Amino acid sequence: MNALLTLSRRIDALTEWIGKSAIWVVLIVVLISAGNAVMRHAFSISSNAWLEIQWYLFGLIFLSCSGYALLHNEHVRIDLLSNKLSKRGRAWIDIFGILFFLLPMAVMILTLSWPVFAQAFESGEMSNSPGGLIVWPARLMIPAGFALLILQSASELVKRIGFLKGLCPDPTEKRAKSAGEKIAESIQAQETREEKP
């Protein structure tokens, strides 16, 4: 189990690095989007390639960061039932959800999307839009993103089992607050102060 927990920490480190690197991709998308809008409105110049690269990069952000959301417990949950359970009960629910829902879904999508990518790669498929981009990089993002999600799911499964065996802390405990959470709390505190007479 200790070897699996070590592997889990390495997967977590990879996922963390990918998630933090995606911040730069967000910046690139914003710059491309702003540049494209300026060119279109100020100079009446438009390019399907620039529009498509925005979509590709947005897809890259979304698919590469799904494991990051899982790592930080920011994924969608239905806490109505699990909040009433103990930490061990929540760990068992997570194990069940990972084994019977998340992993089968992710493996199925990875398996079904790989041939679509391979066909696009072999054929050199191009966008239907005039001046559009080659399609296979966008098709590759789907199996690659779900492969990363499978890796992180395996890491989360190991951590839940490790927690139940008393070998590691509760993986669902919130880590340090993010900058966004701190900003939201400060805004909420300011609104509360303004509401008081």
C-alpha atoms as a PDB file:
ATOM      1  CA  MET A   1       0.000   0.000   0.000  1.00  0.00           C
ATOM      2  CA  ASN A   2       2.874   2.378   0.725  1.00  0.00           C
ATOM      3  CA  ALA A   3       4.176   1.937  -2.833  1.00  0.00           C
ATOM      4  CA  LEU A   4       0.693   2.777  -4.159  1.00  0.00           C
ATOM      5  CA  LEU A   5       0.532   5.869  -1.965  1.00  0.00           C
ATOM      6  CA  THR A   6       3.919   6.972  -3.318  1.00  0.00           C
ATOM      7  CA  LEU A   7       2.639   6.476  -6.864  1.00  0.00           C
ATOM      8  CA  SER A   8      -0.503   8.411  -5.897  1.00  0.00           C
ATOM      9  CA  ARG A   9       1.619  11.357  -4.721  1.00  0.00           C
ATOM     10  CA  ARG A  10       3.475  11.353  -8.043  1.00  0.00           C
ATOM     11  CA  ILE A  11       0.206  11.328  -9.982  1.00  0.00           C
ATOM     12  CA  ASP A  12      -1.058  14.179  -7.786  1.00  0.00           C
ATOM     13  CA  ALA A  13       2.128  16.158  -8.518  1.00  0.00           C
ATOM     14  CA  LEU A  14       1.672  15.635 -12.266  1.00  0.00           C
ATOM     15  CA  THR A  15      -1.983  16.660 -12.072  1.00  0.00           C
ATOM     16  CA  GLU A  16      -1.082  19.737 -10.021  1.00  0.00           C
ATOM     17  CA  TRP A  17       1.571  20.754 -12.569  1.00  0.00           C
ATOM     18  CA  ILE A  18      -0.863  20.301 -15.476  1.00  0.00           C
ATOM     19  CA  GLY A  19      -3.564  22.317 -13.688  1.00  0.00           C
ATOM     20  CA  LYS A  20      -1.210  25.182 -12.901  1.00  0.00           C
ATOM     21  CA  SER A  21       0.217  25.145 -16.428  1.00  0.00           C
ATOM     22  CA  ALA A  22      -3.297  25.507 -17.823  1.00  0.00           C
ATOM     23  CA  ILE A  23      -3.376  29.029 -16.364  1.00  0.00           C
ATOM     24  CA  TRP A  24      -0.984  30.064 -19.146  1.00  0.00           C
ATOM     25  CA  VAL A  25      -3.224  28.454 -21.754  1.00  0.00           C
ATOM     26  CA  VAL A  26      -6.113  30.555 -20.393  1.00  0.00           C
ATOM     27  CA  LEU A  27      -3.991  33.669 -20.910  1.00  0.00           C
ATOM     28  CA  ILE A  28      -3.185  32.604 -24.480  1.00  0.00           C
ATOM     29  CA  VAL A  29      -6.896  32.019 -25.217  1.00  0.00           C
ATOM     30  CA  VAL A  30      -7.785  35.466 -23.840  1.00  0.00           C
ATOM     31  CA  LEU A  31      -5.096  37.149 -25.946  1.00  0.00           C
ATOM     32  CA  ILE A  32      -6.113  35.288 -29.108  1.00  0.00           C
ATOM     33  CA  SER A  33      -9.781  36.050 -28.475  1.00  0.00           C
ATOM     34  CA  ALA A  34      -9.103  39.749 -27.868  1.00  0.00           C
ATOM     35  CA  GLY A  35      -6.811  39.985 -30.895  1.00  0.00           C
ATOM     36  CA  ASN A  36      -9.350  38.225 -33.076  1.00  0.00           C
ATOM     37  CA  ALA A  37     -12.137  40.567 -31.919  1.00  0.00           C
ATOM     38  CA  VAL A  38     -10.009  43.674 -32.549  1.00  0.00           C
ATOM     39  CA  MET A  39      -9.013  42.472 -36.033  1.00  0.00           C
ATOM     40  CA  ARG A  40     -12.609  41.622 -36.915  1.00  0.00           C
ATOM     41  CA  HIS A  41     -14.205  44.850 -35.652  1.00  0.00           C
ATOM     42  CA  ALA A  42     -11.450  47.381 -36.348  1.00  0.00           C
ATOM     43  CA  PHE A  43     -10.078  46.060 -39.637  1.00  0.00           C
ATOM     44  CA  SER A  44     -12.842  43.726 -40.894  1.00  0.00           C
ATOM     45  CA  ILE A  45     -10.332  40.865 -41.020  1.00  0.00           C
ATOM     46  CA  SER A  46     -11.479  37.445 -39.863  1.00  0.00           C
ATOM     47  CA  SER A  47      -9.902  34.019 -39.802  1.00  0.00           C
ATOM     48  CA  ASN A  48     -11.501  30.660 -39.127  1.00  0.00           C
ATOM     49  CA  ALA A  49      -8.121  29.328 -38.031  1.00  0.00           C
ATOM     50  CA  TRP A  50      -7.953  31.853 -35.170  1.00  0.00           C
ATOM     51  CA  LEU A  51     -11.503  30.975 -34.101  1.00  0.00           C
ATOM     52  CA  GLU A  52     -10.732  27.272 -34.180  1.00  0.00           C
ATOM     53  CA  ILE A  53      -7.500  27.620 -32.208  1.00  0.00           C
ATOM     54  CA  GLN A  54      -9.577  29.292 -29.466  1.00  0.00           C
ATOM     55  CA  TRP A  55     -11.920  26.278 -29.427  1.00  0.00           C
ATOM     56  CA  TYR A  56      -8.995  23.845 -29.420  1.00  0.00           C
ATOM     57  CA  LEU A  57      -7.324  25.605 -26.517  1.00  0.00           C
ATOM     58  CA  PHE A  58     -10.589  25.828 -24.572  1.00  0.00           C
ATOM     59  CA  GLY A  59     -11.024  22.077 -25.073  1.00  0.00           C
ATOM     60  CA  LEU A  60      -7.446  21.537 -23.920  1.00  0.00           C
ATOM     61  CA  ILE A  61      -8.079  23.521 -20.732  1.00  0.00           C
ATOM     62  CA  PHE A  62     -11.318  21.710 -19.939  1.00  0.00           C
ATOM     63  CA  LEU A  63     -10.072  18.198 -20.671  1.00  0.00           C
ATOM     64  CA  SER A  64      -6.639  18.530 -19.101  1.00  0.00           C
ATOM     65  CA  CYS A  65      -8.019  20.096 -15.907  1.00  0.00           C
ATOM     66  CA  SER A  66     -10.736  17.551 -15.111  1.00  0.00           C
ATOM     67  CA  GLY A  67      -8.218  15.565 -13.052  1.00  0.00           C
ATOM     68  CA  TYR A  68      -7.119  18.804 -11.356  1.00  0.00           C
ATOM     69  CA  ALA A  69     -10.722  19.465 -10.289  1.00  0.00           C
ATOM     70  CA  LEU A  70     -10.942  15.914  -8.938  1.00  0.00           C
ATOM     71  CA  LEU A  71      -7.647  16.303  -7.055  1.00  0.00           C
ATOM     72  CA  HIS A  72      -8.922  19.456  -5.314  1.00  0.00           C
ATOM     73  CA  ASN A  73     -12.409  18.036  -4.667  1.00  0.00           C
ATOM     74  CA  GLU A  74     -13.951  20.745  -6.836  1.00  0.00           C
ATOM     75  CA  HIS A  75     -15.882  18.320  -9.018  1.00  0.00           C
ATOM     76  CA  VAL A  76     -19.664  18.155  -8.956  1.00  0.00           C
ATOM     77  CA  ARG A  77     -21.008  16.228  -6.006  1.00  0.00           C
ATOM     78  CA  ILE A  78     -24.419  15.527  -4.588  1.00  0.00           C
ATOM     79  CA  ASP A  79     -23.722  16.215  -0.934  1.00  0.00           C
ATOM     80  CA  LEU A  80     -27.313  15.830   0.270  1.00  0.00           C
ATOM     81  CA  LEU A  81     -26.647  12.319   1.570  1.00  0.00           C
ATOM     82  CA  SER A  82     -22.876  12.262   2.012  1.00  0.00           C
ATOM     83  CA  ASN A  83     -22.777  15.305   4.333  1.00  0.00           C
ATOM     84  CA  LYS A  84     -24.781  13.304   6.866  1.00  0.00           C
ATOM     85  CA  LEU A  85     -22.230  10.484   6.877  1.00  0.00           C
ATOM     86  CA  SER A  86     -18.947  10.128   8.716  1.00  0.00           C
ATOM     87  CA  LYS A  87     -15.644  10.693   6.917  1.00  0.00           C
ATOM     88  CA  ARG A  88     -15.276   6.927   6.576  1.00  0.00           C
ATOM     89  CA  GLY A  89     -18.779   6.683   5.113  1.00  0.00           C
ATOM     90  CA  ARG A  90     -17.944   9.384   2.574  1.00  0.00           C
ATOM     91  CA  ALA A  91     -14.735   7.535   1.683  1.00  0.00           C
ATOM     92  CA  TRP A  92     -16.763   4.385   0.978  1.00  0.00           C
ATOM     93  CA  ILE A  93     -19.186   6.352  -1.213  1.00  0.00           C
ATOM     94  CA  ASP A  94     -16.252   7.844  -3.120  1.00  0.00           C
ATOM     95  CA  ILE A  95     -14.712   4.391  -3.620  1.00  0.00           C
ATOM     96  CA  PHE A  96     -18.030   3.081  -4.926  1.00  0.00           C
ATOM     97  CA  GLY A  97     -18.475   6.094  -7.229  1.00  0.00           C
ATOM     98  CA  ILE A  98     -14.933   5.860  -8.600  1.00  0.00           C
ATOM     99  CA  LEU A  99     -15.116   2.110  -9.214  1.00  0.00           C
ATOM    100  CA  PHE A 100     -18.629   1.864 -10.632  1.00  0.00           C
ATOM    101  CA  PHE A 101     -19.209   5.237 -12.301  1.00  0.00           C
ATOM    102  CA  LEU A 102     -16.144   7.422 -12.867  1.00  0.00           C
ATOM    103  CA  LEU A 103     -13.594   4.824 -13.999  1.00  0.00           C
ATOM    104  CA  PRO A 104     -15.953   2.840 -16.274  1.00  0.00           C
ATOM    105  CA  MET A 105     -17.189   6.060 -17.922  1.00  0.00           C
ATOM    106  CA  ALA A 106     -13.673   7.430 -18.404  1.00  0.00           C
ATOM    107  CA  VAL A 107     -12.324   4.122 -19.757  1.00  0.00           C
ATOM    108  CA  MET A 108     -15.272   3.817 -22.148  1.00  0.00           C
ATOM    109  CA  ILE A 109     -14.793   7.360 -23.501  1.00  0.00           C
ATOM    110  CA  LEU A 110     -11.040   6.810 -23.852  1.00  0.00           C
ATOM    111  CA  THR A 111     -11.621   3.529 -25.689  1.00  0.00           C
ATOM    112  CA  LEU A 112     -14.265   4.959 -28.016  1.00  0.00           C
ATOM    113  CA  SER A 113     -12.426   8.219 -28.744  1.00  0.00           C
ATOM    114  CA  TRP A 114      -9.059   6.678 -29.648  1.00  0.00           C
ATOM    115  CA  PRO A 115     -10.197   5.243 -33.034  1.00  0.00           C
ATOM    116  CA  VAL A 116     -11.772   8.611 -33.917  1.00  0.00           C
ATOM    117  CA  PHE A 117      -8.428  10.317 -33.264  1.00  0.00           C
ATOM    118  CA  ALA A 118      -6.502   7.599 -35.149  1.00  0.00           C
ATOM    119  CA  GLN A 119      -8.743   7.925 -38.202  1.00  0.00           C
ATOM    120  CA  ALA A 120      -8.418  11.731 -38.211  1.00  0.00           C
ATOM    121  CA  PHE A 121      -4.635  11.428 -37.857  1.00  0.00           C
ATOM    122  CA  GLU A 122      -4.256   8.854 -40.637  1.00  0.00           C
ATOM    123  CA  SER A 123      -6.514  10.722 -43.051  1.00  0.00           C
ATOM    124  CA  GLY A 124      -5.103  14.183 -42.264  1.00  0.00           C
ATOM    125  CA  GLU A 125      -8.685  15.360 -41.675  1.00  0.00           C
ATOM    126  CA  MET A 126      -9.110  19.117 -42.023  1.00  0.00           C
ATOM    127  CA  SER A 127     -11.806  21.412 -40.704  1.00  0.00           C
ATOM    128  CA  ASN A 128     -14.826  21.955 -42.945  1.00  0.00           C
ATOM    129  CA  SER A 129     -14.439  25.720 -42.496  1.00  0.00           C
ATOM    130  CA  PRO A 130     -12.439  27.584 -45.153  1.00  0.00           C
ATOM    131  CA  GLY A 131      -8.987  28.291 -43.764  1.00  0.00           C
ATOM    132  CA  GLY A 132      -9.643  25.979 -40.811  1.00  0.00           C
ATOM    133  CA  LEU A 133      -7.133  23.850 -38.962  1.00  0.00           C
ATOM    134  CA  ILE A 134      -6.145  20.203 -39.076  1.00  0.00           C
ATOM    135  CA  VAL A 135      -8.508  18.220 -36.836  1.00  0.00           C
ATOM    136  CA  TRP A 136      -6.436  15.457 -35.248  1.00  0.00           C
ATOM    137  CA  PRO A 137      -4.969  17.590 -32.398  1.00  0.00           C
ATOM    138  CA  ALA A 138      -8.497  18.353 -31.208  1.00  0.00           C
ATOM    139  CA  ARG A 139      -9.463  14.689 -31.508  1.00  0.00           C
ATOM    140  CA  LEU A 140      -6.356  13.680 -29.502  1.00  0.00           C
ATOM    141  CA  MET A 141      -7.391  15.906 -26.595  1.00  0.00           C
ATOM    142  CA  ILE A 142     -10.328  13.645 -25.734  1.00  0.00           C
ATOM    143  CA  PRO A 143      -8.444  10.379 -25.120  1.00  0.00           C
ATOM    144  CA  ALA A 144      -5.511  12.278 -23.569  1.00  0.00           C
ATOM    145  CA  GLY A 145      -7.803  14.196 -21.197  1.00  0.00           C
ATOM    146  CA  PHE A 146      -9.631  11.052 -20.137  1.00  0.00           C
ATOM    147  CA  ALA A 147      -6.320   9.194 -19.671  1.00  0.00           C
ATOM    148  CA  LEU A 148      -5.299  11.953 -17.229  1.00  0.00           C
ATOM    149  CA  LEU A 149      -8.680  11.663 -15.494  1.00  0.00           C
ATOM    150  CA  ILE A 150      -8.226   7.881 -15.183  1.00  0.00           C
ATOM    151  CA  LEU A 151      -4.788   8.402 -13.621  1.00  0.00           C
ATOM    152  CA  GLN A 152      -6.173  10.880 -11.098  1.00  0.00           C
ATOM    153  CA  SER A 153      -9.163   8.618 -10.381  1.00  0.00           C
ATOM    154  CA  ALA A 154      -6.749   5.780  -9.560  1.00  0.00           C
ATOM    155  CA  SER A 155      -4.830   8.136  -7.269  1.00  0.00           C
ATOM    156  CA  GLU A 156      -8.033   9.178  -5.502  1.00  0.00           C
ATOM    157  CA  LEU A 157      -9.039   5.535  -5.098  1.00  0.00           C
ATOM    158  CA  VAL A 158      -5.668   4.689  -3.514  1.00  0.00           C
ATOM    159  CA  LYS A 159      -5.948   7.684  -1.153  1.00  0.00           C
ATOM    160  CA  ARG A 160      -9.470   6.690  -0.053  1.00  0.00           C
ATOM    161  CA  ILE A 161      -8.319   3.149   0.686  1.00  0.00           C
ATOM    162  CA  GLY A 162      -5.214   4.489   2.432  1.00  0.00           C
ATOM    163  CA  PHE A 163      -7.440   6.736   4.561  1.00  0.00           C
ATOM    164  CA  LEU A 164      -9.665   3.801   5.537  1.00  0.00           C
ATOM    165  CA  LYS A 165      -6.553   1.837   6.558  1.00  0.00           C
ATOM    166  CA  GLY A 166      -5.228   4.799   8.554  1.00  0.00           C
ATOM    167  CA  LEU A 167      -2.195   5.282   6.296  1.00  0.00           C
ATOM    168  CA  CYS A 168      -2.933   8.808   5.087  1.00  0.00           C
ATOM    169  CA  PRO A 169      -5.078  11.822   5.992  1.00  0.00           C
ATOM    170  CA  ASP A 170      -8.608  12.323   4.698  1.00  0.00           C
ATOM    171  CA  PRO A 171      -8.185  13.236   1.014  1.00  0.00           C
ATOM    172  CA  THR A 172     -11.458  15.141   0.978  1.00  0.00           C
ATOM    173  CA  GLU A 173     -10.263  17.700   3.521  1.00  0.00           C
ATOM    174  CA  LYS A 174      -9.861  21.097   1.922  1.00  0.00           C
ATOM    175  CA  ARG A 175      -6.309  22.226   1.484  1.00  0.00           C
ATOM    176  CA  ALA A 176      -5.338  25.881   1.826  1.00  0.00           C
ATOM    177  CA  LYS A 177      -7.942  28.221   0.412  1.00  0.00           C
ATOM    178  CA  SER A 178      -7.455  29.286  -3.175  1.00  0.00           C
ATOM    179  CA  ALA A 179      -7.091  32.939  -4.159  1.00  0.00           C
ATOM    180  CA  GLY A 180     -10.623  32.843  -5.594  1.00  0.00           C
ATOM    181  CA  GLU A 181     -12.059  31.525  -2.337  1.00  0.00           C
ATOM    182  CA  LYS A 182     -10.250  34.222  -0.355  1.00  0.00           C
ATOM    183  CA  ILE A 183     -11.583  36.942  -2.681  1.00  0.00           C
ATOM    184  CA  ALA A 184     -15.123  35.552  -2.443  1.00  0.00           C
ATOM    185  CA  GLU A 185     -14.926  35.504   1.361  1.00  0.00           C
ATOM    186  CA  SER A 186     -13.652  39.078   1.471  1.00  0.00           C
ATOM    187  CA  ILE A 187     -16.471  40.272  -0.831  1.00  0.00           C
ATOM    188  CA  GLN A 188     -19.025  38.423   1.258  1.00  0.00           C
ATOM    189  CA  ALA A 189     -17.621  39.938   4.474  1.00  0.00           C
ATOM    190  CA  GLN A 190     -17.720  43.425   2.955  1.00  0.00           C
ATOM    191  CA  GLU A 191     -21.344  42.954   1.842  1.00  0.00           C
ATOM    192  CA  THR A 192     -22.263  41.767   5.316  1.00  0.00           C
ATOM    193  CA  ARG A 193     -20.660  44.865   6.865  1.00  0.00           C
ATOM    194  CA  GLU A 194     -22.517  47.146   4.427  1.00  0.00           C
ATOM    195  CA  GLU A 195     -25.876  45.504   5.224  1.00  0.00           C
ATOM    196  CA  LYS A 196     -25.532  46.183   8.961  1.00  0.00           C
ATOM    197  CA  PRO A 197     -27.003  49.583   9.996  1.00  0.00           C
END
